Amino acid sequence: MEISLIGKPKALQAQTAQDPPNKIAREEDGERAAASRKVDSADISAGHAGAFEDKRLSIAKSTILYDISLSAFAERLEEIRSRVEDGSYSVPDAELADALFN
């Protein structure tokens, strides 16, 4: 906040005191020292970073396995379809009974 002394009597102006130069210098040095000590930092624990990497690897692995299983499923389905069409596909009786009753 700044107070203007324009238009004030000379007696009031004479009463204002200024800080001695050595006090100003000490305050400036203290402010500079405090500013040099202020440092922003962030620490991430190694365990957390590893968990993030593990999650990314797990997602990649799941995606690859899903793609492989889809392609394997499509191949297996096509094989069964062709065997059914030519009459060479048969299901064992025990497996058929288990599927019906379970």
C-alpha atoms as a PDB file:
ATOM      1  CA  MET A   1       0.000   0.000   0.000  1.00  0.00           C
ATOM      2  CA  GLU A   2       1.364   3.398  -0.950  1.00  0.00           C
ATOM      3  CA  ILE A   3       0.429   6.623   0.819  1.00  0.00           C
ATOM      4  CA  SER A   4       0.668   9.803  -1.171  1.00  0.00           C
ATOM      5  CA  LEU A   5       2.058  12.839   0.614  1.00  0.00           C
ATOM      6  CA  ILE A   6       1.119  15.264  -2.153  1.00  0.00           C
ATOM      7  CA  GLY A   7      -0.921  18.101  -0.768  1.00  0.00           C
ATOM      8  CA  LYS A   8      -0.049  17.220   2.873  1.00  0.00           C
ATOM      9  CA  PRO A   9       1.542  19.748   5.208  1.00  0.00           C
ATOM     10  CA  LYS A  10       5.356  19.835   5.398  1.00  0.00           C
ATOM     11  CA  ALA A  11       5.243  18.857   9.062  1.00  0.00           C
ATOM     12  CA  LEU A  12       3.640  15.521   8.141  1.00  0.00           C
ATOM     13  CA  GLN A  13       6.159  14.902   5.407  1.00  0.00           C
ATOM     14  CA  ALA A  14       9.047  15.486   7.789  1.00  0.00           C
ATOM     15  CA  GLN A  15       7.741  12.862  10.208  1.00  0.00           C
ATOM     16  CA  THR A  16       8.031   9.997   7.718  1.00  0.00           C
ATOM     17  CA  ALA A  17      11.118   7.960   8.445  1.00  0.00           C
ATOM     18  CA  GLN A  18      12.965   5.781   6.028  1.00  0.00           C
ATOM     19  CA  ASP A  19      14.689   2.532   6.876  1.00  0.00           C
ATOM     20  CA  PRO A  20      18.423   2.797   7.179  1.00  0.00           C
ATOM     21  CA  PRO A  21      20.294   1.504   4.074  1.00  0.00           C
ATOM     22  CA  ASN A  22      21.915  -1.380   5.968  1.00  0.00           C
ATOM     23  CA  LYS A  23      18.474  -2.691   7.078  1.00  0.00           C
ATOM     24  CA  ILE A  24      17.232  -2.614   3.464  1.00  0.00           C
ATOM     25  CA  ALA A  25      20.353  -4.473   2.318  1.00  0.00           C
ATOM     26  CA  ARG A  26      19.899  -7.128   5.034  1.00  0.00           C
ATOM     27  CA  GLU A  27      16.249  -7.651   4.056  1.00  0.00           C
ATOM     28  CA  GLU A  28      17.159  -7.969   0.365  1.00  0.00           C
ATOM     29  CA  ASP A  29      19.911 -10.495   1.177  1.00  0.00           C
ATOM     30  CA  GLY A  30      17.475 -12.454   3.342  1.00  0.00           C
ATOM     31  CA  GLU A  31      14.865 -12.493   0.565  1.00  0.00           C
ATOM     32  CA  ARG A  32      17.450 -13.662  -1.985  1.00  0.00           C
ATOM     33  CA  ALA A  33      18.656 -16.414   0.352  1.00  0.00           C
ATOM     34  CA  ALA A  34      15.087 -17.555   1.026  1.00  0.00           C
ATOM     35  CA  ALA A  35      14.326 -17.553  -2.700  1.00  0.00           C
ATOM     36  CA  SER A  36      17.411 -19.668  -3.419  1.00  0.00           C
ATOM     37  CA  ARG A  37      16.271 -22.246  -0.828  1.00  0.00           C
ATOM     38  CA  LYS A  38      12.819 -22.621  -2.380  1.00  0.00           C
ATOM     39  CA  VAL A  39      12.878 -25.630  -4.683  1.00  0.00           C
ATOM     40  CA  ASP A  40       9.945 -27.516  -6.123  1.00  0.00           C
ATOM     41  CA  SER A  41      10.370 -31.257  -6.158  1.00  0.00           C
ATOM     42  CA  ALA A  42       8.355 -34.422  -6.584  1.00  0.00           C
ATOM     43  CA  ASP A  43       9.311 -37.939  -5.602  1.00  0.00           C
ATOM     44  CA  ILE A  44       7.768 -41.089  -7.038  1.00  0.00           C
ATOM     45  CA  SER A  45       8.626 -44.226  -5.198  1.00  0.00           C
ATOM     46  CA  ALA A  46      10.219 -47.017  -7.164  1.00  0.00           C
ATOM     47  CA  GLY A  47       7.413 -49.366  -6.171  1.00  0.00           C
ATOM     48  CA  HIS A  48       4.792 -47.108  -7.690  1.00  0.00           C
ATOM     49  CA  ALA A  49       6.707 -46.641 -10.940  1.00  0.00           C
ATOM     50  CA  GLY A  50       7.168 -50.404 -11.170  1.00  0.00           C
ATOM     51  CA  ALA A  51       3.479 -50.988 -10.619  1.00  0.00           C
ATOM     52  CA  PHE A  52       2.704 -48.631 -13.479  1.00  0.00           C
ATOM     53  CA  GLU A  53       5.108 -50.486 -15.782  1.00  0.00           C
ATOM     54  CA  ASP A  54       3.736 -53.845 -14.630  1.00  0.00           C
ATOM     55  CA  LYS A  55       0.201 -52.694 -15.419  1.00  0.00           C
ATOM     56  CA  ARG A  56       1.215 -51.548 -18.904  1.00  0.00           C
ATOM     57  CA  LEU A  57       2.961 -54.870 -19.533  1.00  0.00           C
ATOM     58  CA  SER A  58      -0.028 -56.777 -18.215  1.00  0.00           C
ATOM     59  CA  ILE A  59      -2.382 -54.882 -20.549  1.00  0.00           C
ATOM     60  CA  ALA A  60      -0.086 -55.503 -23.528  1.00  0.00           C
ATOM     61  CA  LYS A  61       0.165 -59.207 -22.649  1.00  0.00           C
ATOM     62  CA  SER A  62      -3.609 -59.505 -22.297  1.00  0.00           C
ATOM     63  CA  THR A  63      -4.146 -57.813 -25.645  1.00  0.00           C
ATOM     64  CA  ILE A  64      -1.694 -60.120 -27.404  1.00  0.00           C
ATOM     65  CA  LEU A  65      -3.188 -63.238 -25.809  1.00  0.00           C
ATOM     66  CA  TYR A  66      -6.692 -62.080 -26.735  1.00  0.00           C
ATOM     67  CA  ASP A  67      -5.661 -61.541 -30.362  1.00  0.00           C
ATOM     68  CA  ILE A  68      -3.977 -64.947 -30.473  1.00  0.00           C
ATOM     69  CA  SER A  69      -6.964 -66.684 -28.911  1.00  0.00           C
ATOM     70  CA  LEU A  70      -9.314 -65.020 -31.404  1.00  0.00           C
ATOM     71  CA  SER A  71      -7.227 -66.152 -34.340  1.00  0.00           C
ATOM     72  CA  ALA A  72      -6.852 -69.657 -32.861  1.00  0.00           C
ATOM     73  CA  PHE A  73     -10.601 -69.778 -32.212  1.00  0.00           C
ATOM     74  CA  ALA A  74     -11.331 -68.720 -35.794  1.00  0.00           C
ATOM     75  CA  GLU A  75      -8.968 -71.370 -37.135  1.00  0.00           C
ATOM     76  CA  ARG A  76     -10.458 -74.071 -34.887  1.00  0.00           C
ATOM     77  CA  LEU A  77     -13.999 -73.037 -35.854  1.00  0.00           C
ATOM     78  CA  GLU A  78     -13.129 -73.223 -39.549  1.00  0.00           C
ATOM     79  CA  GLU A  79     -11.582 -76.676 -39.049  1.00  0.00           C
ATOM     80  CA  ILE A  80     -14.704 -77.968 -37.274  1.00  0.00           C
ATOM     81  CA  ARG A  81     -16.968 -76.405 -39.927  1.00  0.00           C
ATOM     82  CA  SER A  82     -15.107 -78.142 -42.747  1.00  0.00           C
ATOM     83  CA  ARG A  83     -15.118 -81.506 -40.907  1.00  0.00           C
ATOM     84  CA  VAL A  84     -18.890 -81.205 -40.248  1.00  0.00           C
ATOM     85  CA  GLU A  85     -19.523 -80.424 -43.933  1.00  0.00           C
ATOM     86  CA  ASP A  86     -17.587 -83.461 -45.185  1.00  0.00           C
ATOM     87  CA  GLY A  87     -19.051 -85.718 -42.461  1.00  0.00           C
ATOM     88  CA  SER A  88     -15.790 -86.589 -40.687  1.00  0.00           C
ATOM     89  CA  TYR A  89     -16.593 -84.733 -37.436  1.00  0.00           C
ATOM     90  CA  SER A  90     -17.970 -86.713 -34.513  1.00  0.00           C
ATOM     91  CA  VAL A  91     -18.326 -85.990 -30.830  1.00  0.00           C
ATOM     92  CA  PRO A  92     -17.603 -88.821 -28.364  1.00  0.00           C
ATOM     93  CA  ASP A  93     -20.786 -89.973 -26.636  1.00  0.00           C
ATOM     94  CA  ALA A  94     -19.430 -89.361 -23.111  1.00  0.00           C
ATOM     95  CA  GLU A  95     -18.541 -85.737 -23.906  1.00  0.00           C
ATOM     96  CA  LEU A  96     -21.951 -85.190 -25.502  1.00  0.00           C
ATOM     97  CA  ALA A  97     -23.709 -86.599 -22.430  1.00  0.00           C
ATOM     98  CA  ASP A  98     -21.604 -84.453 -20.080  1.00  0.00           C
ATOM     99  CA  ALA A  99     -22.414 -81.333 -22.087  1.00  0.00           C
ATOM    100  CA  LEU A 100     -26.148 -82.092 -22.055  1.00  0.00           C
ATOM    101  CA  PHE A 101     -26.430 -82.882 -18.354  1.00  0.00           C
ATOM    102  CA  ASN A 102     -24.011 -80.356 -16.868  1.00  0.00           C
END
